[in-house]
Amino acid sequence: MLKLTVRIRHRDEHAGKPIVDLLLALYKRSGISGATVVQGIRGYGVRGSSRADVLGLSMNLPLVIETVDVPEKIHGVLVEVKSIVGTNGLISVEEVDVV
């Protein structure tokens, strides 16, 4: 099994649409068994830092979108995932044991 992880920010868009929505729709269309989106409260990367302020007004927070499936399905969406995410995030694929 492979785990596909995409790290972006909440407000990141591709073609005027939220990347997170585009990825979830792609995964569903492609028969990926499921995906989880986790929102972080703080982070940093090559595009700078993200954090929630006390009043909750600065909300371009980190998102992690993960899915686990058979290699054929993960490799089947990878080119389109790269196209959607572009330089907005980090994409990683790793082998995992599902128990």
PDB file of N, CA and C in Angstrom:
ATOM      1  N   MET A   1       0.850  -1.179   0.000  1.00  0.00           N
ATOM      2  CA  MET A   1       0.000   0.000   0.000  1.00  0.00           C
ATOM      3  C   MET A   1       0.896   1.241   0.000  1.00  0.00           C
ATOM      4  N   LEU A   2       0.366   2.303  -0.591  1.00  0.00           N
ATOM      5  CA  LEU A   2       1.076   3.574  -0.619  1.00  0.00           C
ATOM      6  C   LEU A   2       0.239   4.652   0.059  1.00  0.00           C
ATOM      7  N   LYS A   3       0.934   5.569   0.733  1.00  0.00           N
ATOM      8  CA  LYS A   3       0.271   6.740   1.313  1.00  0.00           C
ATOM      9  C   LYS A   3       0.705   7.961   0.518  1.00  0.00           C
ATOM     10  N   LEU A   4      -0.279   8.687   0.006  1.00  0.00           N
ATOM     11  CA  LEU A   4      -0.054   9.930  -0.714  1.00  0.00           C
ATOM     12  C   LEU A   4      -0.413  11.073   0.227  1.00  0.00           C
ATOM     13  N   THR A   5       0.551  11.947   0.484  1.00  0.00           N
ATOM     14  CA  THR A   5       0.340  13.078   1.378  1.00  0.00           C
ATOM     15  C   THR A   5       0.593  14.370   0.619  1.00  0.00           C
ATOM     16  N   VAL A   6      -0.334  15.305   0.757  1.00  0.00           N
ATOM     17  CA  VAL A   6      -0.196  16.620   0.145  1.00  0.00           C
ATOM     18  C   VAL A   6      -0.292  17.649   1.271  1.00  0.00           C
ATOM     19  N   ARG A   7       0.686  18.551   1.315  1.00  0.00           N
ATOM     20  CA  ARG A   7       0.707  19.626   2.307  1.00  0.00           C
ATOM     21  C   ARG A   7       0.560  20.954   1.572  1.00  0.00           C
ATOM     22  N   ILE A   8      -0.507  21.670   1.914  1.00  0.00           N
ATOM     23  CA  ILE A   8      -0.802  22.962   1.295  1.00  0.00           C
ATOM     24  C   ILE A   8      -1.278  23.920   2.385  1.00  0.00           C
ATOM     25  N   ARG A   9      -1.745  25.074   1.967  1.00  0.00           N
ATOM     26  CA  ARG A   9      -2.408  26.012   2.876  1.00  0.00           C
ATOM     27  C   ARG A   9      -3.894  26.054   2.540  1.00  0.00           C
ATOM     28  N   HIS A  10      -4.673  26.405   3.529  1.00  0.00           N
ATOM     29  CA  HIS A  10      -6.134  26.404   3.420  1.00  0.00           C
ATOM     30  C   HIS A  10      -6.645  27.189   2.208  1.00  0.00           C
ATOM     31  N   ARG A  11      -6.069  28.316   1.920  1.00  0.00           N
ATOM     32  CA  ARG A  11      -6.570  29.186   0.837  1.00  0.00           C
ATOM     33  C   ARG A  11      -5.922  28.932  -0.517  1.00  0.00           C
ATOM     34  N   ASP A  12      -5.064  27.938  -0.631  1.00  0.00           N
ATOM     35  CA  ASP A  12      -4.412  27.671  -1.915  1.00  0.00           C
ATOM     36  C   ASP A  12      -5.449  27.264  -2.957  1.00  0.00           C
ATOM     37  N   GLU A  13      -5.285  27.832  -4.153  1.00  0.00           N
ATOM     38  CA  GLU A  13      -6.227  27.572  -5.244  1.00  0.00           C
ATOM     39  C   GLU A  13      -5.501  27.159  -6.517  1.00  0.00           C
ATOM     40  N   HIS A  14      -6.246  26.469  -7.369  1.00  0.00           N
ATOM     41  CA  HIS A  14      -5.804  26.124  -8.718  1.00  0.00           C
ATOM     42  C   HIS A  14      -6.989  26.394  -9.634  1.00  0.00           C
ATOM     43  N   ALA A  15      -6.769  27.187 -10.661  1.00  0.00           N
ATOM     44  CA  ALA A  15      -7.835  27.548 -11.612  1.00  0.00           C
ATOM     45  C   ALA A  15      -9.047  28.141 -10.885  1.00  0.00           C
ATOM     46  N   GLY A  16      -8.793  28.930  -9.836  1.00  0.00           N
ATOM     47  CA  GLY A  16      -9.862  29.613  -9.122  1.00  0.00           C
ATOM     48  C   GLY A  16     -10.649  28.768  -8.145  1.00  0.00           C
ATOM     49  N   LYS A  17     -10.225  27.526  -7.919  1.00  0.00           N
ATOM     50  CA  LYS A  17     -10.936  26.640  -6.994  1.00  0.00           C
ATOM     51  C   LYS A  17      -9.985  26.162  -5.903  1.00  0.00           C
ATOM     52  N   PRO A  18     -10.520  25.911  -4.706  1.00  0.00           N
ATOM     53  CA  PRO A  18      -9.664  25.430  -3.623  1.00  0.00           C
ATOM     54  C   PRO A  18      -8.997  24.100  -3.980  1.00  0.00           C
ATOM     55  N   ILE A  19      -7.681  24.035  -3.769  1.00  0.00           N
ATOM     56  CA  ILE A  19      -6.945  22.807  -4.069  1.00  0.00           C
ATOM     57  C   ILE A  19      -7.494  21.632  -3.290  1.00  0.00           C
ATOM     58  N   VAL A  20      -7.829  21.835  -2.031  1.00  0.00           N
ATOM     59  CA  VAL A  20      -8.331  20.725  -1.217  1.00  0.00           C
ATOM     60  C   VAL A  20      -9.590  20.119  -1.848  1.00  0.00           C
ATOM     61  N   ASP A  21     -10.497  20.949  -2.345  1.00  0.00           N
ATOM     62  CA  ASP A  21     -11.720  20.439  -2.978  1.00  0.00           C
ATOM     63  C   ASP A  21     -11.411  19.694  -4.267  1.00  0.00           C
ATOM     64  N   LEU A  22     -10.485  20.227  -5.053  1.00  0.00           N
ATOM     65  CA  LEU A  22     -10.103  19.576  -6.308  1.00  0.00           C
ATOM     66  C   LEU A  22      -9.481  18.204  -6.053  1.00  0.00           C
ATOM     67  N   LEU A  23      -8.621  18.116  -5.032  1.00  0.00           N
ATOM     68  CA  LEU A  23      -7.985  16.832  -4.727  1.00  0.00           C
ATOM     69  C   LEU A  23      -8.998  15.808  -4.248  1.00  0.00           C
ATOM     70  N   LEU A  24      -9.892  16.205  -3.357  1.00  0.00           N
ATOM     71  CA  LEU A  24     -10.896  15.254  -2.855  1.00  0.00           C
ATOM     72  C   LEU A  24     -11.797  14.766  -3.981  1.00  0.00           C
ATOM     73  N   ALA A  25     -12.177  15.657  -4.885  1.00  0.00           N
ATOM     74  CA  ALA A  25     -13.012  15.257  -6.030  1.00  0.00           C
ATOM     75  C   ALA A  25     -12.243  14.294  -6.939  1.00  0.00           C
ATOM     76  N   LEU A  26     -10.965  14.582  -7.176  1.00  0.00           N
ATOM     77  CA  LEU A  26     -10.134  13.703  -7.997  1.00  0.00           C
ATOM     78  C   LEU A  26     -10.031  12.320  -7.373  1.00  0.00           C
ATOM     79  N   TYR A  27      -9.755  12.264  -6.085  1.00  0.00           N
ATOM     80  CA  TYR A  27      -9.625  10.976  -5.402  1.00  0.00           C
ATOM     81  C   TYR A  27     -10.921  10.177  -5.495  1.00  0.00           C
ATOM     82  N   LYS A  28     -12.039  10.834  -5.282  1.00  0.00           N
ATOM     83  CA  LYS A  28     -13.340  10.139  -5.333  1.00  0.00           C
ATOM     84  C   LYS A  28     -13.619   9.616  -6.740  1.00  0.00           C
ATOM     85  N   ARG A  29     -13.413  10.462  -7.755  1.00  0.00           N
ATOM     86  CA  ARG A  29     -13.612  10.055  -9.156  1.00  0.00           C
ATOM     87  C   ARG A  29     -12.740   8.869  -9.529  1.00  0.00           C
ATOM     88  N   SER A  30     -11.546   8.823  -8.956  1.00  0.00           N
ATOM     89  CA  SER A  30     -10.563   7.798  -9.308  1.00  0.00           C
ATOM     90  C   SER A  30     -10.713   6.514  -8.513  1.00  0.00           C
ATOM     91  N   GLY A  31     -11.699   6.463  -7.634  1.00  0.00           N
ATOM     92  CA  GLY A  31     -11.937   5.249  -6.867  1.00  0.00           C
ATOM     93  C   GLY A  31     -11.001   5.041  -5.697  1.00  0.00           C
ATOM     94  N   ILE A  32     -10.316   6.105  -5.277  1.00  0.00           N
ATOM     95  CA  ILE A  32      -9.470   6.017  -4.085  1.00  0.00           C
ATOM     96  C   ILE A  32     -10.385   5.712  -2.900  1.00  0.00           C
ATOM     97  N   SER A  33      -9.926   4.814  -2.030  1.00  0.00           N
ATOM     98  CA  SER A  33     -10.797   4.304  -0.960  1.00  0.00           C
ATOM     99  C   SER A  33     -11.217   5.352   0.059  1.00  0.00           C
ATOM    100  N   GLY A  34     -10.457   6.402   0.248  1.00  0.00           N
ATOM    101  CA  GLY A  34     -10.819   7.448   1.204  1.00  0.00           C
ATOM    102  C   GLY A  34      -9.683   8.432   1.357  1.00  0.00           C
ATOM    103  N   ALA A  35      -9.973   9.563   1.966  1.00  0.00           N
ATOM    104  CA  ALA A  35      -8.959  10.589   2.204  1.00  0.00           C
ATOM    105  C   ALA A  35      -9.299  11.319   3.489  1.00  0.00           C
ATOM    106  N   THR A  36      -8.286  11.849   4.125  1.00  0.00           N
ATOM    107  CA  THR A  36      -8.455  12.617   5.356  1.00  0.00           C
ATOM    108  C   THR A  36      -7.765  13.956   5.196  1.00  0.00           C
ATOM    109  N   VAL A  37      -8.453  15.014   5.611  1.00  0.00           N
ATOM    110  CA  VAL A  37      -7.890  16.355   5.610  1.00  0.00           C
ATOM    111  C   VAL A  37      -7.725  16.780   7.064  1.00  0.00           C
ATOM    112  N   VAL A  38      -6.504  17.172   7.407  1.00  0.00           N
ATOM    113  CA  VAL A  38      -6.200  17.627   8.762  1.00  0.00           C
ATOM    114  C   VAL A  38      -5.705  19.061   8.676  1.00  0.00           C
ATOM    115  N   GLN A  39      -6.288  19.927   9.503  1.00  0.00           N
ATOM    116  CA  GLN A  39      -5.862  21.326   9.524  1.00  0.00           C
ATOM    117  C   GLN A  39      -4.908  21.546  10.683  1.00  0.00           C
ATOM    118  N   GLY A  40      -3.765  22.147  10.380  1.00  0.00           N
ATOM    119  CA  GLY A  40      -2.793  22.470  11.412  1.00  0.00           C
ATOM    120  C   GLY A  40      -3.085  23.819  12.032  1.00  0.00           C
ATOM    121  N   ILE A  41      -2.457  24.088  13.147  1.00  0.00           N
ATOM    122  CA  ILE A  41      -2.620  25.387  13.798  1.00  0.00           C
ATOM    123  C   ILE A  41      -1.388  26.268  13.624  1.00  0.00           C
ATOM    124  N   ARG A  42      -0.304  25.648  13.155  1.00  0.00           N
ATOM    125  CA  ARG A  42       0.925  26.407  12.958  1.00  0.00           C
ATOM    126  C   ARG A  42       1.843  25.619  12.045  1.00  0.00           C
ATOM    127  N   GLY A  43       2.635  26.310  11.256  1.00  0.00           N
ATOM    128  CA  GLY A  43       3.607  25.635  10.401  1.00  0.00           C
ATOM    129  C   GLY A  43       4.482  26.632   9.672  1.00  0.00           C
ATOM    130  N   TYR A  44       5.507  26.104   9.007  1.00  0.00           N
ATOM    131  CA  TYR A  44       6.352  26.950   8.175  1.00  0.00           C
ATOM    132  C   TYR A  44       6.919  26.110   7.044  1.00  0.00           C
ATOM    133  N   GLY A  45       7.328  26.773   5.997  1.00  0.00           N
ATOM    134  CA  GLY A  45       7.914  26.115   4.839  1.00  0.00           C
ATOM    135  C   GLY A  45       8.562  27.152   3.948  1.00  0.00           C
ATOM    136  N   VAL A  46       8.828  26.773   2.712  1.00  0.00           N
ATOM    137  CA  VAL A  46       9.520  27.678   1.798  1.00  0.00           C
ATOM    138  C   VAL A  46       8.708  28.937   1.492  1.00  0.00           C
ATOM    139  N   ARG A  47       7.387  28.876   1.672  1.00  0.00           N
ATOM    140  CA  ARG A  47       6.545  30.045   1.412  1.00  0.00           C
ATOM    141  C   ARG A  47       6.279  30.871   2.669  1.00  0.00           C
ATOM    142  N   GLY A  48       6.974  30.584   3.764  1.00  0.00           N
ATOM    143  CA  GLY A  48       6.805  31.373   4.978  1.00  0.00           C
ATOM    144  C   GLY A  48       6.101  30.598   6.067  1.00  0.00           C
ATOM    145  N   SER A  49       5.604  31.349   7.053  1.00  0.00           N
ATOM    146  CA  SER A  49       4.965  30.752   8.224  1.00  0.00           C
ATOM    147  C   SER A  49       3.459  30.889   8.159  1.00  0.00           C
ATOM    148  N   SER A  50       2.775  29.988   8.848  1.00  0.00           N
ATOM    149  CA  SER A  50       1.324  30.036   9.008  1.00  0.00           C
ATOM    150  C   SER A  50       1.023  29.847  10.482  1.00  0.00           C
ATOM    151  N   ARG A  51       0.048  30.587  10.970  1.00  0.00           N
ATOM    152  CA  ARG A  51      -0.365  30.386  12.355  1.00  0.00           C
ATOM    153  C   ARG A  51      -1.731  31.004  12.584  1.00  0.00           C
ATOM    154  N   ALA A  52      -2.429  30.477  13.569  1.00  0.00           N
ATOM    155  CA  ALA A  52      -3.713  31.041  13.961  1.00  0.00           C
ATOM    156  C   ALA A  52      -3.450  32.136  14.979  1.00  0.00           C
ATOM    157  N   ASP A  53      -4.025  33.326  14.761  1.00  0.00           N
ATOM    158  CA  ASP A  53      -3.844  34.364  15.765  1.00  0.00           C
ATOM    159  C   ASP A  53      -4.915  34.218  16.839  1.00  0.00           C
ATOM    160  N   VAL A  54      -4.786  34.974  17.881  1.00  0.00           N
ATOM    161  CA  VAL A  54      -5.658  34.844  19.050  1.00  0.00           C
ATOM    162  C   VAL A  54      -7.126  35.047  18.687  1.00  0.00           C
ATOM    163  N   LEU A  55      -7.421  35.958  17.797  1.00  0.00           N
ATOM    164  CA  LEU A  55      -8.800  36.242  17.427  1.00  0.00           C
ATOM    165  C   LEU A  55      -9.311  35.362  16.295  1.00  0.00           C
ATOM    166  N   GLY A  56      -8.443  34.508  15.756  1.00  0.00           N
ATOM    167  CA  GLY A  56      -8.856  33.627  14.673  1.00  0.00           C
ATOM    168  C   GLY A  56      -9.030  34.326  13.344  1.00  0.00           C
ATOM    169  N   LEU A  57      -8.419  35.500  13.187  1.00  0.00           N
ATOM    170  CA  LEU A  57      -8.608  36.276  11.965  1.00  0.00           C
ATOM    171  C   LEU A  57      -7.643  35.883  10.849  1.00  0.00           C
ATOM    172  N   SER A  58      -6.505  35.334  11.206  1.00  0.00           N
ATOM    173  CA  SER A  58      -5.520  34.933  10.204  1.00  0.00           C
ATOM    174  C   SER A  58      -5.622  33.432  10.007  1.00  0.00           C
ATOM    175  N   MET A  59      -6.397  33.003   9.020  1.00  0.00           N
ATOM    176  CA  MET A  59      -6.740  31.589   8.928  1.00  0.00           C
ATOM    177  C   MET A  59      -6.227  30.885   7.673  1.00  0.00           C
ATOM    178  N   ASN A  60      -5.111  31.313   7.118  1.00  0.00           N
ATOM    179  CA  ASN A  60      -4.540  30.585   5.992  1.00  0.00           C
ATOM    180  C   ASN A  60      -3.595  29.522   6.551  1.00  0.00           C
ATOM    181  N   LEU A  61      -4.201  28.547   7.219  1.00  0.00           N
ATOM    182  CA  LEU A  61      -3.463  27.557   7.996  1.00  0.00           C
ATOM    183  C   LEU A  61      -3.038  26.368   7.142  1.00  0.00           C
ATOM    184  N   PRO A  62      -2.066  25.602   7.644  1.00  0.00           N
ATOM    185  CA  PRO A  62      -1.619  24.416   6.911  1.00  0.00           C
ATOM    186  C   PRO A  62      -2.711  23.348   6.849  1.00  0.00           C
ATOM    187  N   LEU A  63      -2.775  22.663   5.720  1.00  0.00           N
ATOM    188  CA  LEU A  63      -3.648  21.502   5.541  1.00  0.00           C
ATOM    189  C   LEU A  63      -2.794  20.326   5.117  1.00  0.00           C
ATOM    190  N   VAL A  64      -3.125  19.164   5.631  1.00  0.00           N
ATOM    191  CA  VAL A  64      -2.495  17.917   5.208  1.00  0.00           C
ATOM    192  C   VAL A  64      -3.620  17.026   4.692  1.00  0.00           C
ATOM    193  N   ILE A  65      -3.503  16.589   3.437  1.00  0.00           N
ATOM    194  CA  ILE A  65      -4.488  15.699   2.825  1.00  0.00           C
ATOM    195  C   ILE A  65      -3.793  14.365   2.587  1.00  0.00           C
ATOM    196  N   GLU A  66      -4.295  13.307   3.236  1.00  0.00           N
ATOM    197  CA  GLU A  66      -3.673  11.993   3.102  1.00  0.00           C
ATOM    198  C   GLU A  66      -4.669  10.975   2.572  1.00  0.00           C
ATOM    199  N   THR A  67      -4.151  10.063   1.778  1.00  0.00           N
ATOM    200  CA  THR A  67      -4.920   8.930   1.315  1.00  0.00           C
ATOM    201  C   THR A  67      -4.000   7.720   1.225  1.00  0.00           C
ATOM    202  N   VAL A  68      -4.566   6.552   1.478  1.00  0.00           N
ATOM    203  CA  VAL A  68      -3.810   5.296   1.405  1.00  0.00           C
ATOM    204  C   VAL A  68      -4.574   4.356   0.491  1.00  0.00           C
ATOM    205  N   ASP A  69      -3.869   3.786  -0.480  1.00  0.00           N
ATOM    206  CA  ASP A  69      -4.515   2.843  -1.384  1.00  0.00           C
ATOM    207  C   ASP A  69      -3.433   2.014  -2.073  1.00  0.00           C
ATOM    208  N   VAL A  70      -3.882   1.167  -2.973  1.00  0.00           N
ATOM    209  CA  VAL A  70      -2.943   0.312  -3.713  1.00  0.00           C
ATOM    210  C   VAL A  70      -2.105   1.178  -4.651  1.00  0.00           C
ATOM    211  N   PRO A  71      -0.873   0.741  -4.935  1.00  0.00           N
ATOM    212  CA  PRO A  71       0.024   1.549  -5.772  1.00  0.00           C
ATOM    213  C   PRO A  71      -0.584   1.976  -7.109  1.00  0.00           C
ATOM    214  N   GLU A  72      -1.347   1.109  -7.748  1.00  0.00           N
ATOM    215  CA  GLU A  72      -1.919   1.435  -9.053  1.00  0.00           C
ATOM    216  C   GLU A  72      -2.821   2.668  -8.975  1.00  0.00           C
ATOM    217  N   LYS A  73      -3.628   2.756  -7.924  1.00  0.00           N
ATOM    218  CA  LYS A  73      -4.533   3.902  -7.796  1.00  0.00           C
ATOM    219  C   LYS A  73      -3.768   5.178  -7.439  1.00  0.00           C
ATOM    220  N   ILE A  74      -2.794   5.071  -6.552  1.00  0.00           N
ATOM    221  CA  ILE A  74      -2.006   6.256  -6.182  1.00  0.00           C
ATOM    222  C   ILE A  74      -1.225   6.768  -7.385  1.00  0.00           C
ATOM    223  N   HIS A  75      -0.543   5.871  -8.089  1.00  0.00           N
ATOM    224  CA  HIS A  75       0.210   6.293  -9.279  1.00  0.00           C
ATOM    225  C   HIS A  75      -0.719   6.817 -10.368  1.00  0.00           C
ATOM    226  N   GLY A  76      -1.957   6.311 -10.390  1.00  0.00           N
ATOM    227  CA  GLY A  76      -2.925   6.748 -11.387  1.00  0.00           C
ATOM    228  C   GLY A  76      -3.377   8.194 -11.230  1.00  0.00           C
ATOM    229  N   VAL A  77      -3.276   8.749 -10.017  1.00  0.00           N
ATOM    230  CA  VAL A  77      -3.689  10.136  -9.796  1.00  0.00           C
ATOM    231  C   VAL A  77      -2.514  11.092  -9.645  1.00  0.00           C
ATOM    232  N   LEU A  78      -1.319  10.572  -9.540  1.00  0.00           N
ATOM    233  CA  LEU A  78      -0.157  11.388  -9.177  1.00  0.00           C
ATOM    234  C   LEU A  78       0.139  12.516 -10.166  1.00  0.00           C
ATOM    235  N   VAL A  79       0.027  12.269 -11.450  1.00  0.00           N
ATOM    236  CA  VAL A  79       0.308  13.324 -12.438  1.00  0.00           C
ATOM    237  C   VAL A  79      -0.679  14.472 -12.271  1.00  0.00           C
ATOM    238  N   GLU A  80      -1.956  14.143 -12.091  1.00  0.00           N
ATOM    239  CA  GLU A  80      -2.962  15.198 -11.932  1.00  0.00           C
ATOM    240  C   GLU A  80      -2.796  15.917 -10.593  1.00  0.00           C
ATOM    241  N   VAL A  81      -2.430  15.193  -9.541  1.00  0.00           N
ATOM    242  CA  VAL A  81      -2.165  15.826  -8.244  1.00  0.00           C
ATOM    243  C   VAL A  81      -1.036  16.842  -8.393  1.00  0.00           C
ATOM    244  N   LYS A  82       0.035  16.459  -9.075  1.00  0.00           N
ATOM    245  CA  LYS A  82       1.156  17.377  -9.297  1.00  0.00           C
ATOM    246  C   LYS A  82       0.704  18.616 -10.064  1.00  0.00           C
ATOM    247  N   SER A  83      -0.161  18.431 -11.048  1.00  0.00           N
ATOM    248  CA  SER A  83      -0.663  19.547 -11.843  1.00  0.00           C
ATOM    249  C   SER A  83      -1.513  20.494 -10.992  1.00  0.00           C
ATOM    250  N   ILE A  84      -2.346  19.947 -10.133  1.00  0.00           N
ATOM    251  CA  ILE A  84      -3.229  20.755  -9.279  1.00  0.00           C
ATOM    252  C   ILE A  84      -2.425  21.499  -8.223  1.00  0.00           C
ATOM    253  N   VAL A  85      -1.509  20.815  -7.565  1.00  0.00           N
ATOM    254  CA  VAL A  85      -0.759  21.418  -6.461  1.00  0.00           C
ATOM    255  C   VAL A  85       0.307  22.382  -6.970  1.00  0.00           C
ATOM    256  N   GLY A  86       0.966  22.029  -8.062  1.00  0.00           N
ATOM    257  CA  GLY A  86       2.001  22.887  -8.620  1.00  0.00           C
ATOM    258  C   GLY A  86       3.061  23.226  -7.594  1.00  0.00           C
ATOM    259  N   THR A  87       3.377  24.509  -7.479  1.00  0.00           N
ATOM    260  CA  THR A  87       4.385  24.957  -6.514  1.00  0.00           C
ATOM    261  C   THR A  87       3.758  25.397  -5.197  1.00  0.00           C
ATOM    262  N   ASN A  88       2.460  25.144  -5.031  1.00  0.00           N
ATOM    263  CA  ASN A  88       1.761  25.572  -3.825  1.00  0.00           C
ATOM    264  C   ASN A  88       1.987  24.671  -2.624  1.00  0.00           C
ATOM    265  N   GLY A  89       2.547  23.499  -2.828  1.00  0.00           N
ATOM    266  CA  GLY A  89       2.652  22.609  -1.684  1.00  0.00           C
ATOM    267  C   GLY A  89       3.718  21.557  -1.857  1.00  0.00           C
ATOM    268  N   LEU A  90       3.649  20.586  -0.968  1.00  0.00           N
ATOM    269  CA  LEU A  90       4.601  19.490  -0.936  1.00  0.00           C
ATOM    270  C   LEU A  90       3.816  18.188  -1.105  1.00  0.00           C
ATOM    271  N   ILE A  91       4.283  17.340  -1.997  1.00  0.00           N
ATOM    272  CA  ILE A  91       3.645  16.047  -2.267  1.00  0.00           C
ATOM    273  C   ILE A  91       4.649  14.960  -1.903  1.00  0.00           C
ATOM    274  N   SER A  92       4.201  13.979  -1.134  1.00  0.00           N
ATOM    275  CA  SER A  92       5.077  12.850  -0.831  1.00  0.00           C
ATOM    276  C   SER A  92       4.298  11.548  -0.972  1.00  0.00           C
ATOM    277  N   VAL A  93       5.025  10.506  -1.354  1.00  0.00           N
ATOM    278  CA  VAL A  93       4.456   9.172  -1.473  1.00  0.00           C
ATOM    279  C   VAL A  93       5.378   8.242  -0.715  1.00  0.00           C
ATOM    280  N   GLU A  94       4.786   7.417   0.145  1.00  0.00           N
ATOM    281  CA  GLU A  94       5.604   6.473   0.896  1.00  0.00           C
ATOM    282  C   GLU A  94       4.875   5.138   1.045  1.00  0.00           C
ATOM    283  N   GLU A  95       5.655   4.092   1.121  1.00  0.00           N
ATOM    284  CA  GLU A  95       5.092   2.775   1.324  1.00  0.00           C
ATOM    285  C   GLU A  95       4.693   2.627   2.786  1.00  0.00           C
ATOM    286  N   VAL A  96       3.512   2.050   3.018  1.00  0.00           N
ATOM    287  CA  VAL A  96       3.021   1.862   4.376  1.00  0.00           C
ATOM    288  C   VAL A  96       2.476   0.443   4.530  1.00  0.00           C
ATOM    289  N   ASP A  97       2.505  -0.050   5.756  1.00  0.00           N
ATOM    290  CA  ASP A  97       1.877  -1.319   6.092  1.00  0.00           C
ATOM    291  C   ASP A  97       0.525  -1.008   6.727  1.00  0.00           C
ATOM    292  N   VAL A  98      -0.521  -1.572   6.182  1.00  0.00           N
ATOM    293  CA  VAL A  98      -1.850  -1.402   6.740  1.00  0.00           C
ATOM    294  C   VAL A  98      -2.160  -2.626   7.573  1.00  0.00           C
ATOM    295  N   VAL A  99      -2.516  -2.422   8.829  1.00  0.00           N
ATOM    296  CA  VAL A  99      -2.775  -3.556   9.721  1.00  0.00           C
ATOM    297  C   VAL A  99      -4.240  -3.636  10.085  1.00  0.00           C
TER     298      VAL A  99
END
